[in-house]
Amino acid sequence: MSTQEVADKLVSLCKEGKYDEAYELYADDAVSIEMPGMPGDEVTQGKEKIIDGYYEWANSIEEVHGGSVGEPVVAGNHFMLPMTSDATFKGQGRWKMEELCLYQVENGKIKKAQFFYDVPDMG
């Protein structure tokens, strides 16, 4: 798949809530980078560990209030898209987040994902 096709497929799956299928777009040796200060690992290497981190995050959600996925902007083998989420997390309250998600595609798979957002105040 081309970078545009990977981007379009990721957006489509996320909008449909098919996150399990979305992770199939990742390369086995993919890397995911979160912002410093968030719970969990800042850098996660390997698709299986990235999926495990997603389930840990998803299981910490008490209630989802909303969210959105924007359209991708593609440049070469990279694409970026905006996402928002509004959720109440167990023992941590409600977080409303806006983020930019940057992806690098290699051989038709997501090789690197990096997320940019303001870290919620957890105090």
PDB file of N, CA and C in Angstrom:
ATOM      1  N   MET A   1       0.846  -1.186   0.000  1.00  0.00           N
ATOM      2  CA  MET A   1       0.000   0.000   0.000  1.00  0.00           C
ATOM      3  C   MET A   1       0.888   1.246   0.000  1.00  0.00           C
ATOM      4  N   SER A   2       0.381   2.277  -0.641  1.00  0.00           N
ATOM      5  CA  SER A   2       1.077   3.567  -0.629  1.00  0.00           C
ATOM      6  C   SER A   2       0.848   4.256   0.717  1.00  0.00           C
ATOM      7  N   THR A   3       1.607   5.293   0.978  1.00  0.00           N
ATOM      8  CA  THR A   3       1.422   6.064   2.210  1.00  0.00           C
ATOM      9  C   THR A   3       0.002   6.607   2.293  1.00  0.00           C
ATOM     10  N   GLN A   4      -0.519   7.136   1.189  1.00  0.00           N
ATOM     11  CA  GLN A   4      -1.892   7.655   1.173  1.00  0.00           C
ATOM     12  C   GLN A   4      -2.899   6.547   1.487  1.00  0.00           C
ATOM     13  N   GLU A   5      -2.690   5.364   0.937  1.00  0.00           N
ATOM     14  CA  GLU A   5      -3.616   4.248   1.193  1.00  0.00           C
ATOM     15  C   GLU A   5      -3.563   3.813   2.654  1.00  0.00           C
ATOM     16  N   VAL A   6      -2.370   3.752   3.230  1.00  0.00           N
ATOM     17  CA  VAL A   6      -2.243   3.412   4.650  1.00  0.00           C
ATOM     18  C   VAL A   6      -2.949   4.469   5.499  1.00  0.00           C
ATOM     19  N   ALA A   7      -2.721   5.738   5.181  1.00  0.00           N
ATOM     20  CA  ALA A   7      -3.349   6.837   5.924  1.00  0.00           C
ATOM     21  C   ALA A   7      -4.868   6.758   5.844  1.00  0.00           C
ATOM     22  N   ASP A   8      -5.393   6.588   4.645  1.00  0.00           N
ATOM     23  CA  ASP A   8      -6.844   6.517   4.460  1.00  0.00           C
ATOM     24  C   ASP A   8      -7.446   5.318   5.196  1.00  0.00           C
ATOM     25  N   LYS A   9      -6.757   4.178   5.151  1.00  0.00           N
ATOM     26  CA  LYS A   9      -7.241   2.970   5.828  1.00  0.00           C
ATOM     27  C   LYS A   9      -7.232   3.167   7.339  1.00  0.00           C
ATOM     28  N   LEU A  10      -6.160   3.781   7.874  1.00  0.00           N
ATOM     29  CA  LEU A  10      -6.088   4.027   9.312  1.00  0.00           C
ATOM     30  C   LEU A  10      -7.224   4.938   9.759  1.00  0.00           C
ATOM     31  N   VAL A  11      -7.454   6.021   9.028  1.00  0.00           N
ATOM     32  CA  VAL A  11      -8.531   6.954   9.377  1.00  0.00           C
ATOM     33  C   VAL A  11      -9.881   6.235   9.339  1.00  0.00           C
ATOM     34  N   SER A  12     -10.123   5.470   8.306  1.00  0.00           N
ATOM     35  CA  SER A  12     -11.384   4.749   8.160  1.00  0.00           C
ATOM     36  C   SER A  12     -11.614   3.792   9.328  1.00  0.00           C
ATOM     37  N   LEU A  13     -10.598   3.011   9.662  1.00  0.00           N
ATOM     38  CA  LEU A  13     -10.737   2.051  10.763  1.00  0.00           C
ATOM     39  C   LEU A  13     -10.938   2.751  12.102  1.00  0.00           C
ATOM     40  N   CYS A  14     -10.208   3.832  12.348  1.00  0.00           N
ATOM     41  CA  CYS A  14     -10.362   4.569  13.612  1.00  0.00           C
ATOM     42  C   CYS A  14     -11.753   5.185  13.718  1.00  0.00           C
ATOM     43  N   LYS A  15     -12.248   5.746  12.626  1.00  0.00           N
ATOM     44  CA  LYS A  15     -13.589   6.337  12.653  1.00  0.00           C
ATOM     45  C   LYS A  15     -14.663   5.289  12.927  1.00  0.00           C
ATOM     46  N   GLU A  16     -14.401   4.048  12.519  1.00  0.00           N
ATOM     47  CA  GLU A  16     -15.345   2.946  12.746  1.00  0.00           C
ATOM     48  C   GLU A  16     -15.120   2.265  14.092  1.00  0.00           C
ATOM     49  N   GLY A  17     -14.090   2.698  14.841  1.00  0.00           N
ATOM     50  CA  GLY A  17     -13.784   2.086  16.127  1.00  0.00           C
ATOM     51  C   GLY A  17     -13.136   0.715  16.011  1.00  0.00           C
ATOM     52  N   LYS A  18     -12.575   0.403  14.850  1.00  0.00           N
ATOM     53  CA  LYS A  18     -11.951  -0.904  14.611  1.00  0.00           C
ATOM     54  C   LYS A  18     -10.445  -0.822  14.891  1.00  0.00           C
ATOM     55  N   TYR A  19     -10.113  -0.591  16.161  1.00  0.00           N
ATOM     56  CA  TYR A  19      -8.718  -0.378  16.529  1.00  0.00           C
ATOM     57  C   TYR A  19      -7.876  -1.642  16.386  1.00  0.00           C
ATOM     58  N   ASP A  20      -8.472  -2.803  16.659  1.00  0.00           N
ATOM     59  CA  ASP A  20      -7.727  -4.052  16.483  1.00  0.00           C
ATOM     60  C   ASP A  20      -7.246  -4.177  15.037  1.00  0.00           C
ATOM     61  N   GLU A  21      -8.126  -3.886  14.099  1.00  0.00           N
ATOM     62  CA  GLU A  21      -7.760  -3.948  12.685  1.00  0.00           C
ATOM     63  C   GLU A  21      -6.744  -2.858  12.330  1.00  0.00           C
ATOM     64  N   ALA A  22      -6.864  -1.700  12.953  1.00  0.00           N
ATOM     65  CA  ALA A  22      -5.938  -0.601  12.672  1.00  0.00           C
ATOM     66  C   ALA A  22      -4.504  -1.000  13.017  1.00  0.00           C
ATOM     67  N   TYR A  23      -4.320  -1.745  14.095  1.00  0.00           N
ATOM     68  CA  TYR A  23      -2.969  -2.149  14.480  1.00  0.00           C
ATOM     69  C   TYR A  23      -2.367  -3.153  13.509  1.00  0.00           C
ATOM     70  N   GLU A  24      -3.181  -3.774  12.668  1.00  0.00           N
ATOM     71  CA  GLU A  24      -2.639  -4.662  11.637  1.00  0.00           C
ATOM     72  C   GLU A  24      -1.888  -3.870  10.567  1.00  0.00           C
ATOM     73  N   LEU A  25      -2.069  -2.552  10.538  1.00  0.00           N
ATOM     74  CA  LEU A  25      -1.338  -1.699   9.601  1.00  0.00           C
ATOM     75  C   LEU A  25       0.100  -1.448  10.058  1.00  0.00           C
ATOM     76  N   TYR A  26       0.419  -1.814  11.288  1.00  0.00           N
ATOM     77  CA  TYR A  26       1.756  -1.598  11.838  1.00  0.00           C
ATOM     78  C   TYR A  26       2.703  -2.714  11.417  1.00  0.00           C
ATOM     79  N   ALA A  27       3.957  -2.364  11.196  1.00  0.00           N
ATOM     80  CA  ALA A  27       5.013  -3.354  10.947  1.00  0.00           C
ATOM     81  C   ALA A  27       5.297  -4.089  12.261  1.00  0.00           C
ATOM     82  N   ASP A  28       5.774  -5.316  12.160  1.00  0.00           N
ATOM     83  CA  ASP A  28       6.084  -6.094  13.364  1.00  0.00           C
ATOM     84  C   ASP A  28       7.100  -5.393  14.251  1.00  0.00           C
ATOM     85  N   ASP A  29       8.031  -4.647  13.643  1.00  0.00           N
ATOM     86  CA  ASP A  29       9.072  -3.967  14.416  1.00  0.00           C
ATOM     87  C   ASP A  29       8.816  -2.463  14.559  1.00  0.00           C
ATOM     88  N   ALA A  30       7.554  -2.084  14.509  1.00  0.00           N
ATOM     89  CA  ALA A  30       7.171  -0.669  14.620  1.00  0.00           C
ATOM     90  C   ALA A  30       7.589  -0.092  15.966  1.00  0.00           C
ATOM     91  N   VAL A  31       7.701   1.241  15.985  1.00  0.00           N
ATOM     92  CA  VAL A  31       8.031   1.989  17.198  1.00  0.00           C
ATOM     93  C   VAL A  31       6.928   3.015  17.424  1.00  0.00           C
ATOM     94  N   SER A  32       6.496   3.158  18.669  1.00  0.00           N
ATOM     95  CA  SER A  32       5.485   4.150  19.037  1.00  0.00           C
ATOM     96  C   SER A  32       6.067   5.042  20.130  1.00  0.00           C
ATOM     97  N   ILE A  33       5.925   6.365  19.954  1.00  0.00           N
ATOM     98  CA  ILE A  33       6.511   7.327  20.890  1.00  0.00           C
ATOM     99  C   ILE A  33       5.410   8.236  21.445  1.00  0.00           C
ATOM    100  N   GLU A  34       5.277   8.230  22.765  1.00  0.00           N
ATOM    101  CA  GLU A  34       4.320   9.089  23.463  1.00  0.00           C
ATOM    102  C   GLU A  34       5.066  10.289  24.049  1.00  0.00           C
ATOM    103  N   MET A  35       4.304  11.245  24.537  1.00  0.00           N
ATOM    104  CA  MET A  35       4.891  12.422  25.162  1.00  0.00           C
ATOM    105  C   MET A  35       5.486  12.057  26.528  1.00  0.00           C
ATOM    106  N   PRO A  36       6.609  12.691  26.892  1.00  0.00           N
ATOM    107  CA  PRO A  36       7.174  12.474  28.229  1.00  0.00           C
ATOM    108  C   PRO A  36       6.153  12.898  29.296  1.00  0.00           C
ATOM    109  N   GLY A  37       6.093  12.140  30.382  1.00  0.00           N
ATOM    110  CA  GLY A  37       5.195  12.477  31.478  1.00  0.00           C
ATOM    111  C   GLY A  37       3.901  11.694  31.491  1.00  0.00           C
ATOM    112  N   MET A  38       3.644  10.944  30.432  1.00  0.00           N
ATOM    113  CA  MET A  38       2.441  10.117  30.418  1.00  0.00           C
ATOM    114  C   MET A  38       2.716   8.793  31.117  1.00  0.00           C
ATOM    115  N   PRO A  39       1.666   8.164  31.694  1.00  0.00           N
ATOM    116  CA  PRO A  39       1.867   6.844  32.296  1.00  0.00           C
ATOM    117  C   PRO A  39       2.302   5.838  31.225  1.00  0.00           C
ATOM    118  N   GLY A  40       3.043   4.850  31.631  1.00  0.00           N
ATOM    119  CA  GLY A  40       3.500   3.831  30.688  1.00  0.00           C
ATOM    120  C   GLY A  40       4.812   4.228  30.045  1.00  0.00           C
ATOM    121  N   ASP A  41       5.205   3.455  29.063  1.00  0.00           N
ATOM    122  CA  ASP A  41       6.484   3.686  28.392  1.00  0.00           C
ATOM    123  C   ASP A  41       6.378   4.829  27.394  1.00  0.00           C
ATOM    124  N   GLU A  42       7.407   5.664  27.370  1.00  0.00           N
ATOM    125  CA  GLU A  42       7.448   6.748  26.388  1.00  0.00           C
ATOM    126  C   GLU A  42       7.718   6.189  24.987  1.00  0.00           C
ATOM    127  N   VAL A  43       8.622   5.187  24.905  1.00  0.00           N
ATOM    128  CA  VAL A  43       8.939   4.547  23.633  1.00  0.00           C
ATOM    129  C   VAL A  43       8.594   3.065  23.749  1.00  0.00           C
ATOM    130  N   THR A  44       7.781   2.588  22.819  1.00  0.00           N
ATOM    131  CA  THR A  44       7.402   1.180  22.783  1.00  0.00           C
ATOM    132  C   THR A  44       7.858   0.599  21.452  1.00  0.00           C
ATOM    133  N   GLN A  45       8.577  -0.497  21.509  1.00  0.00           N
ATOM    134  CA  GLN A  45       9.088  -1.124  20.297  1.00  0.00           C
ATOM    135  C   GLN A  45       8.434  -2.476  20.079  1.00  0.00           C
ATOM    136  N   GLY A  46       7.942  -2.693  18.859  1.00  0.00           N
ATOM    137  CA  GLY A  46       7.318  -3.953  18.489  1.00  0.00           C
ATOM    138  C   GLY A  46       5.807  -3.856  18.493  1.00  0.00           C
ATOM    139  N   LYS A  47       5.200  -4.371  17.443  1.00  0.00           N
ATOM    140  CA  LYS A  47       3.744  -4.288  17.293  1.00  0.00           C
ATOM    141  C   LYS A  47       3.003  -4.918  18.463  1.00  0.00           C
ATOM    142  N   GLU A  48       3.461  -6.075  18.922  1.00  0.00           N
ATOM    143  CA  GLU A  48       2.750  -6.744  20.018  1.00  0.00           C
ATOM    144  C   GLU A  48       2.763  -5.902  21.289  1.00  0.00           C
ATOM    145  N   LYS A  49       3.895  -5.275  21.608  1.00  0.00           N
ATOM    146  CA  LYS A  49       3.972  -4.420  22.797  1.00  0.00           C
ATOM    147  C   LYS A  49       3.127  -3.166  22.618  1.00  0.00           C
ATOM    148  N   ILE A  50       3.069  -2.640  21.396  1.00  0.00           N
ATOM    149  CA  ILE A  50       2.227  -1.471  21.117  1.00  0.00           C
ATOM    150  C   ILE A  50       0.754  -1.831  21.331  1.00  0.00           C
ATOM    151  N   ILE A  51       0.347  -2.999  20.860  1.00  0.00           N
ATOM    152  CA  ILE A  51      -1.037  -3.456  21.045  1.00  0.00           C
ATOM    153  C   ILE A  51      -1.325  -3.663  22.527  1.00  0.00           C
ATOM    154  N   ASP A  52      -0.394  -4.274  23.261  1.00  0.00           N
ATOM    155  CA  ASP A  52      -0.574  -4.462  24.715  1.00  0.00           C
ATOM    156  C   ASP A  52      -0.767  -3.116  25.411  1.00  0.00           C
ATOM    157  N   GLY A  53       0.032  -2.104  25.017  1.00  0.00           N
ATOM    158  CA  GLY A  53      -0.097  -0.763  25.592  1.00  0.00           C
ATOM    159  C   GLY A  53      -1.452  -0.152  25.288  1.00  0.00           C
ATOM    160  N   TYR A  54      -1.954  -0.391  24.076  1.00  0.00           N
ATOM    161  CA  TYR A  54      -3.285   0.111  23.711  1.00  0.00           C
ATOM    162  C   TYR A  54      -4.339  -0.506  24.633  1.00  0.00           C
ATOM    163  N   TYR A  55      -4.282  -1.831  24.837  1.00  0.00           N
ATOM    164  CA  TYR A  55      -5.284  -2.493  25.693  1.00  0.00           C
ATOM    165  C   TYR A  55      -5.194  -1.998  27.136  1.00  0.00           C
ATOM    166  N   GLU A  56      -3.987  -1.764  27.618  1.00  0.00           N
ATOM    167  CA  GLU A  56      -3.817  -1.229  28.970  1.00  0.00           C
ATOM    168  C   GLU A  56      -4.485   0.143  29.075  1.00  0.00           C
ATOM    169  N   TRP A  57      -4.251   0.991  28.062  1.00  0.00           N
ATOM    170  CA  TRP A  57      -4.864   2.322  28.030  1.00  0.00           C
ATOM    171  C   TRP A  57      -6.393   2.199  27.940  1.00  0.00           C
ATOM    172  N   ALA A  58      -6.880   1.371  27.024  1.00  0.00           N
ATOM    173  CA  ALA A  58      -8.331   1.219  26.817  1.00  0.00           C
ATOM    174  C   ALA A  58      -9.016   0.688  28.070  1.00  0.00           C
ATOM    175  N   ASN A  59      -8.366  -0.224  28.783  1.00  0.00           N
ATOM    176  CA  ASN A  59      -8.957  -0.788  29.997  1.00  0.00           C
ATOM    177  C   ASN A  59      -8.964   0.204  31.156  1.00  0.00           C
ATOM    178  N   SER A  60      -8.200   1.296  31.034  1.00  0.00           N
ATOM    179  CA  SER A  60      -8.197   2.302  32.096  1.00  0.00           C
ATOM    180  C   SER A  60      -9.318   3.328  31.909  1.00  0.00           C
ATOM    181  N   ILE A  61     -10.052   3.214  30.826  1.00  0.00           N
ATOM    182  CA  ILE A  61     -11.142   4.155  30.538  1.00  0.00           C
ATOM    183  C   ILE A  61     -12.419   3.704  31.226  1.00  0.00           C
ATOM    184  N   GLU A  62     -13.004   4.630  31.960  1.00  0.00           N
ATOM    185  CA  GLU A  62     -14.266   4.373  32.639  1.00  0.00           C
ATOM    186  C   GLU A  62     -15.447   4.707  31.724  1.00  0.00           C
ATOM    187  N   GLU A  63     -15.344   5.842  31.014  1.00  0.00           N
ATOM    188  CA  GLU A  63     -16.432   6.279  30.127  1.00  0.00           C
ATOM    189  C   GLU A  63     -15.862   7.159  29.015  1.00  0.00           C
ATOM    190  N   VAL A  64     -16.333   6.920  27.796  1.00  0.00           N
ATOM    191  CA  VAL A  64     -15.937   7.748  26.655  1.00  0.00           C
ATOM    192  C   VAL A  64     -17.053   8.755  26.398  1.00  0.00           C
ATOM    193  N   HIS A  65     -16.674  10.028  26.312  1.00  0.00           N
ATOM    194  CA  HIS A  65     -17.656  11.090  26.097  1.00  0.00           C
ATOM    195  C   HIS A  65     -17.642  11.587  24.651  1.00  0.00           C
ATOM    196  N   GLY A  66     -16.551  11.329  23.936  1.00  0.00           N
ATOM    197  CA  GLY A  66     -16.464  11.782  22.552  1.00  0.00           C
ATOM    198  C   GLY A  66     -15.051  11.674  22.030  1.00  0.00           C
ATOM    199  N   GLY A  67     -14.914  11.993  20.758  1.00  0.00           N
ATOM    200  CA  GLY A  67     -13.604  11.953  20.127  1.00  0.00           C
ATOM    201  C   GLY A  67     -13.761  12.106  18.627  1.00  0.00           C
ATOM    202  N   SER A  68     -12.655  12.383  17.974  1.00  0.00           N
ATOM    203  CA  SER A  68     -12.712  12.555  16.529  1.00  0.00           C
ATOM    204  C   SER A  68     -11.370  12.188  15.907  1.00  0.00           C
ATOM    205  N   VAL A  69     -11.423  11.894  14.617  1.00  0.00           N
ATOM    206  CA  VAL A  69     -10.238  11.621  13.818  1.00  0.00           C
ATOM    207  C   VAL A  69     -10.354  12.479  12.570  1.00  0.00           C
ATOM    208  N   GLY A  70      -9.351  13.319  12.319  1.00  0.00           N
ATOM    209  CA  GLY A  70      -9.373  14.195  11.153  1.00  0.00           C
ATOM    210  C   GLY A  70      -8.825  13.502   9.918  1.00  0.00           C
ATOM    211  N   GLU A  71      -8.732  14.261   8.853  1.00  0.00           N
ATOM    212  CA  GLU A  71      -8.227  13.734   7.590  1.00  0.00           C
ATOM    213  C   GLU A  71      -6.699  13.831   7.550  1.00  0.00           C
ATOM    214  N   PRO A  72      -6.053  12.855   6.933  1.00  0.00           N
ATOM    215  CA  PRO A  72      -4.592  12.846   6.909  1.00  0.00           C
ATOM    216  C   PRO A  72      -4.005  13.841   5.919  1.00  0.00           C
ATOM    217  N   VAL A  73      -2.815  14.326   6.272  1.00  0.00           N
ATOM    218  CA  VAL A  73      -1.993  15.134   5.371  1.00  0.00           C
ATOM    219  C   VAL A  73      -0.761  14.283   5.085  1.00  0.00           C
ATOM    220  N   VAL A  74      -0.522  13.988   3.811  1.00  0.00           N
ATOM    221  CA  VAL A  74       0.557  13.094   3.412  1.00  0.00           C
ATOM    222  C   VAL A  74       1.695  13.882   2.785  1.00  0.00           C
ATOM    223  N   ALA A  75       2.927  13.539   3.175  1.00  0.00           N
ATOM    224  CA  ALA A  75       4.135  14.114   2.584  1.00  0.00           C
ATOM    225  C   ALA A  75       5.160  12.994   2.478  1.00  0.00           C
ATOM    226  N   GLY A  76       5.429  12.544   1.271  1.00  0.00           N
ATOM    227  CA  GLY A  76       6.383  11.459   1.076  1.00  0.00           C
ATOM    228  C   GLY A  76       5.920  10.201   1.773  1.00  0.00           C
ATOM    229  N   ASN A  77       6.788   9.646   2.645  1.00  0.00           N
ATOM    230  CA  ASN A  77       6.405   8.435   3.360  1.00  0.00           C
ATOM    231  C   ASN A  77       5.918   8.719   4.781  1.00  0.00           C
ATOM    232  N   HIS A  78       5.472   9.967   5.005  1.00  0.00           N
ATOM    233  CA  HIS A  78       4.907  10.358   6.301  1.00  0.00           C
ATOM    234  C   HIS A  78       3.484  10.863   6.117  1.00  0.00           C
ATOM    235  N   PHE A  79       2.687  10.710   7.171  1.00  0.00           N
ATOM    236  CA  PHE A  79       1.387  11.386   7.208  1.00  0.00           C
ATOM    237  C   PHE A  79       1.074  11.789   8.632  1.00  0.00           C
ATOM    238  N   MET A  80       0.279  12.836   8.740  1.00  0.00           N
ATOM    239  CA  MET A  80      -0.111  13.367  10.035  1.00  0.00           C
ATOM    240  C   MET A  80      -1.620  13.536  10.039  1.00  0.00           C
ATOM    241  N   LEU A  81      -2.207  13.292  11.194  1.00  0.00           N
ATOM    242  CA  LEU A  81      -3.640  13.542  11.321  1.00  0.00           C
ATOM    243  C   LEU A  81      -3.961  13.986  12.735  1.00  0.00           C
ATOM    244  N   PRO A  82      -4.989  14.831  12.859  1.00  0.00           N
ATOM    245  CA  PRO A  82      -5.412  15.275  14.184  1.00  0.00           C
ATOM    246  C   PRO A  82      -6.404  14.283  14.792  1.00  0.00           C
ATOM    247  N   MET A  83      -6.342  14.135  16.106  1.00  0.00           N
ATOM    248  CA  MET A  83      -7.306  13.317  16.842  1.00  0.00           C
ATOM    249  C   MET A  83      -7.686  14.059  18.115  1.00  0.00           C
ATOM    250  N   THR A  84      -8.898  13.833  18.549  1.00  0.00           N
ATOM    251  CA  THR A  84      -9.324  14.332  19.854  1.00  0.00           C
ATOM    252  C   THR A  84      -9.932  13.170  20.627  1.00  0.00           C
ATOM    253  N   SER A  85      -9.875  13.276  21.941  1.00  0.00           N
ATOM    254  CA  SER A  85     -10.554  12.297  22.790  1.00  0.00           C
ATOM    255  C   SER A  85     -11.050  13.006  24.038  1.00  0.00           C
ATOM    256  N   ASP A  86     -12.136  12.503  24.539  1.00  0.00           N
ATOM    257  CA  ASP A  86     -12.753  13.028  25.754  1.00  0.00           C
ATOM    258  C   ASP A  86     -13.230  11.808  26.528  1.00  0.00           C
ATOM    259  N   ALA A  87     -12.525  11.485  27.608  1.00  0.00           N
ATOM    260  CA  ALA A  87     -12.839  10.269  28.349  1.00  0.00           C
ATOM    261  C   ALA A  87     -12.578  10.460  29.834  1.00  0.00           C
ATOM    262  N   THR A  88     -13.295   9.691  30.632  1.00  0.00           N
ATOM    263  CA  THR A  88     -13.047   9.632  32.065  1.00  0.00           C
ATOM    264  C   THR A  88     -12.253   8.367  32.329  1.00  0.00           C
ATOM    265  N   PHE A  89     -11.107   8.545  33.007  1.00  0.00           N
ATOM    266  CA  PHE A  89     -10.229   7.425  33.311  1.00  0.00           C
ATOM    267  C   PHE A  89     -10.399   7.011  34.762  1.00  0.00           C
ATOM    268  N   LYS A  90     -10.334   5.721  35.023  1.00  0.00           N
ATOM    269  CA  LYS A  90     -10.496   5.172  36.367  1.00  0.00           C
ATOM    270  C   LYS A  90      -9.513   5.835  37.325  1.00  0.00           C
ATOM    271  N   GLY A  91     -10.031   6.483  38.349  1.00  0.00           N
ATOM    272  CA  GLY A  91      -9.207   7.091  39.387  1.00  0.00           C
ATOM    273  C   GLY A  91      -8.444   8.335  38.974  1.00  0.00           C
ATOM    274  N   GLN A  92      -8.658   8.830  37.735  1.00  0.00           N
ATOM    275  CA  GLN A  92      -7.889   9.971  37.271  1.00  0.00           C
ATOM    276  C   GLN A  92      -8.750  11.101  36.715  1.00  0.00           C
ATOM    277  N   GLY A  93     -10.038  10.894  36.668  1.00  0.00           N
ATOM    278  CA  GLY A  93     -10.920  11.951  36.198  1.00  0.00           C
ATOM    279  C   GLY A  93     -11.045  12.017  34.688  1.00  0.00           C
ATOM    280  N   ARG A  94     -11.652  13.103  34.258  1.00  0.00           N
ATOM    281  CA  ARG A  94     -11.951  13.296  32.845  1.00  0.00           C
ATOM    282  C   ARG A  94     -10.827  14.063  32.153  1.00  0.00           C
ATOM    283  N   TRP A  95     -10.390  13.564  31.003  1.00  0.00           N
ATOM    284  CA  TRP A  95      -9.366  14.211  30.198  1.00  0.00           C
ATOM    285  C   TRP A  95      -9.929  14.510  28.829  1.00  0.00           C
ATOM    286  N   LYS A  96      -9.758  15.740  28.405  1.00  0.00           N
ATOM    287  CA  LYS A  96     -10.071  16.125  27.025  1.00  0.00           C
ATOM    288  C   LYS A  96      -8.734  16.397  26.362  1.00  0.00           C
ATOM    289  N   MET A  97      -8.439  15.654  25.303  1.00  0.00           N
ATOM    290  CA  MET A  97      -7.132  15.779  24.661  1.00  0.00           C
ATOM    291  C   MET A  97      -7.266  16.081  23.175  1.00  0.00           C
ATOM    292  N   GLU A  98      -6.358  16.893  22.695  1.00  0.00           N
ATOM    293  CA  GLU A  98      -6.198  17.148  21.263  1.00  0.00           C
ATOM    294  C   GLU A  98      -4.770  16.753  20.946  1.00  0.00           C
ATOM    295  N   GLU A  99      -4.592  15.991  19.873  1.00  0.00           N
ATOM    296  CA  GLU A  99      -3.242  15.561  19.531  1.00  0.00           C
ATOM    297  C   GLU A  99      -3.027  15.532  18.028  1.00  0.00           C
ATOM    298  N   LEU A 100      -1.765  15.600  17.675  1.00  0.00           N
ATOM    299  CA  LEU A 100      -1.333  15.375  16.297  1.00  0.00           C
ATOM    300  C   LEU A 100      -0.590  14.054  16.290  1.00  0.00           C
ATOM    301  N   CYS A 101      -0.942  13.213  15.345  1.00  0.00           N
ATOM    302  CA  CYS A 101      -0.354  11.891  15.234  1.00  0.00           C
ATOM    303  C   CYS A 101       0.469  11.848  13.953  1.00  0.00           C
ATOM    304  N   LEU A 102       1.746  11.570  14.085  1.00  0.00           N
ATOM    305  CA  LEU A 102       2.658  11.529  12.947  1.00  0.00           C
ATOM    306  C   LEU A 102       3.083  10.091  12.713  1.00  0.00           C
ATOM    307  N   TYR A 103       2.927   9.641  11.477  1.00  0.00           N
ATOM    308  CA  TYR A 103       3.245   8.264  11.121  1.00  0.00           C
ATOM    309  C   TYR A 103       4.267   8.227   9.997  1.00  0.00           C
ATOM    310  N   GLN A 104       5.154   7.240  10.058  1.00  0.00           N
ATOM    311  CA  GLN A 104       6.112   6.972   8.989  1.00  0.00           C
ATOM    312  C   GLN A 104       5.774   5.602   8.411  1.00  0.00           C
ATOM    313  N   VAL A 105       5.644   5.541   7.090  1.00  0.00           N
ATOM    314  CA  VAL A 105       5.281   4.299   6.413  1.00  0.00           C
ATOM    315  C   VAL A 105       6.495   3.755   5.665  1.00  0.00           C
ATOM    316  N   GLU A 106       6.683   2.460   5.802  1.00  0.00           N
ATOM    317  CA  GLU A 106       7.772   1.785   5.109  1.00  0.00           C
ATOM    318  C   GLU A 106       7.242   0.438   4.606  1.00  0.00           C
ATOM    319  N   ASN A 107       7.414   0.168   3.331  1.00  0.00           N
ATOM    320  CA  ASN A 107       6.946  -1.093   2.740  1.00  0.00           C
ATOM    321  C   ASN A 107       5.467  -1.358   3.013  1.00  0.00           C
ATOM    322  N   GLY A 108       4.653  -0.299   2.943  1.00  0.00           N
ATOM    323  CA  GLY A 108       3.205  -0.445   3.094  1.00  0.00           C
ATOM    324  C   GLY A 108       2.716  -0.652   4.510  1.00  0.00           C
ATOM    325  N   LYS A 109       3.585  -0.474   5.503  1.00  0.00           N
ATOM    326  CA  LYS A 109       3.210  -0.638   6.913  1.00  0.00           C
ATOM    327  C   LYS A 109       3.674   0.567   7.718  1.00  0.00           C
ATOM    328  N   ILE A 110       2.995   0.835   8.826  1.00  0.00           N
ATOM    329  CA  ILE A 110       3.415   1.907   9.719  1.00  0.00           C
ATOM    330  C   ILE A 110       4.646   1.428  10.479  1.00  0.00           C
ATOM    331  N   LYS A 111       5.742   2.133  10.286  1.00  0.00           N
ATOM    332  CA  LYS A 111       7.023   1.780  10.898  1.00  0.00           C
ATOM    333  C   LYS A 111       7.246   2.565  12.193  1.00  0.00           C
ATOM    334  N   LYS A 112       6.713   3.793  12.227  1.00  0.00           N
ATOM    335  CA  LYS A 112       6.901   4.643  13.397  1.00  0.00           C
ATOM    336  C   LYS A 112       5.658   5.504  13.584  1.00  0.00           C
ATOM    337  N   ALA A 113       5.229   5.619  14.832  1.00  0.00           N
ATOM    338  CA  ALA A 113       4.097   6.481  15.190  1.00  0.00           C
ATOM    339  C   ALA A 113       4.555   7.362  16.350  1.00  0.00           C
ATOM    340  N   GLN A 114       4.319   8.668  16.231  1.00  0.00           N
ATOM    341  CA  GLN A 114       4.684   9.585  17.303  1.00  0.00           C
ATOM    342  C   GLN A 114       3.517  10.525  17.545  1.00  0.00           C
ATOM    343  N   PHE A 115       3.229  10.760  18.817  1.00  0.00           N
ATOM    344  CA  PHE A 115       2.043  11.510  19.201  1.00  0.00           C
ATOM    345  C   PHE A 115       2.429  12.767  19.964  1.00  0.00           C
ATOM    346  N   PHE A 116       1.812  13.886  19.581  1.00  0.00           N
ATOM    347  CA  PHE A 116       2.108  15.192  20.171  1.00  0.00           C
ATOM    348  C   PHE A 116       0.839  15.755  20.805  1.00  0.00           C
ATOM    349  N   TYR A 117       0.917  16.056  22.096  1.00  0.00           N
ATOM    350  CA  TYR A 117      -0.251  16.557  22.833  1.00  0.00           C
ATOM    351  C   TYR A 117       0.238  17.178  24.140  1.00  0.00           C
ATOM    352  N   ASP A 118      -0.642  17.948  24.763  1.00  0.00           N
ATOM    353  CA  ASP A 118      -0.352  18.475  26.089  1.00  0.00           C
ATOM    354  C   ASP A 118      -0.668  17.367  27.094  1.00  0.00           C
ATOM    355  N   VAL A 119       0.259  17.071  27.971  1.00  0.00           N
ATOM    356  CA  VAL A 119       0.056  16.027  28.972  1.00  0.00           C
ATOM    357  C   VAL A 119      -0.941  16.532  30.000  1.00  0.00           C
ATOM    358  N   PRO A 120      -2.029  15.775  30.220  1.00  0.00           N
ATOM    359  CA  PRO A 120      -3.032  16.214  31.210  1.00  0.00           C
ATOM    360  C   PRO A 120      -2.438  16.285  32.612  1.00  0.00           C
ATOM    361  N   ASP A 121      -2.934  17.215  33.400  1.00  0.00           N
ATOM    362  CA  ASP A 121      -2.537  17.331  34.796  1.00  0.00           C
ATOM    363  C   ASP A 121      -3.147  16.170  35.561  1.00  0.00           C
ATOM    364  N   MET A 122      -2.301  15.324  36.098  1.00  0.00           N
ATOM    365  CA  MET A 122      -2.803  14.138  36.805  1.00  0.00           C
ATOM    366  C   MET A 122      -2.834  14.345  38.300  1.00  0.00           C
ATOM    367  N   GLY A 123      -2.578  15.573  38.728  1.00  0.00           N
ATOM    368  CA  GLY A 123      -2.563  15.834  40.165  1.00  0.00           C
ATOM    369  C   GLY A 123      -3.863  16.354  40.589  1.00  0.00           C
TER     370      GLY A 123
END
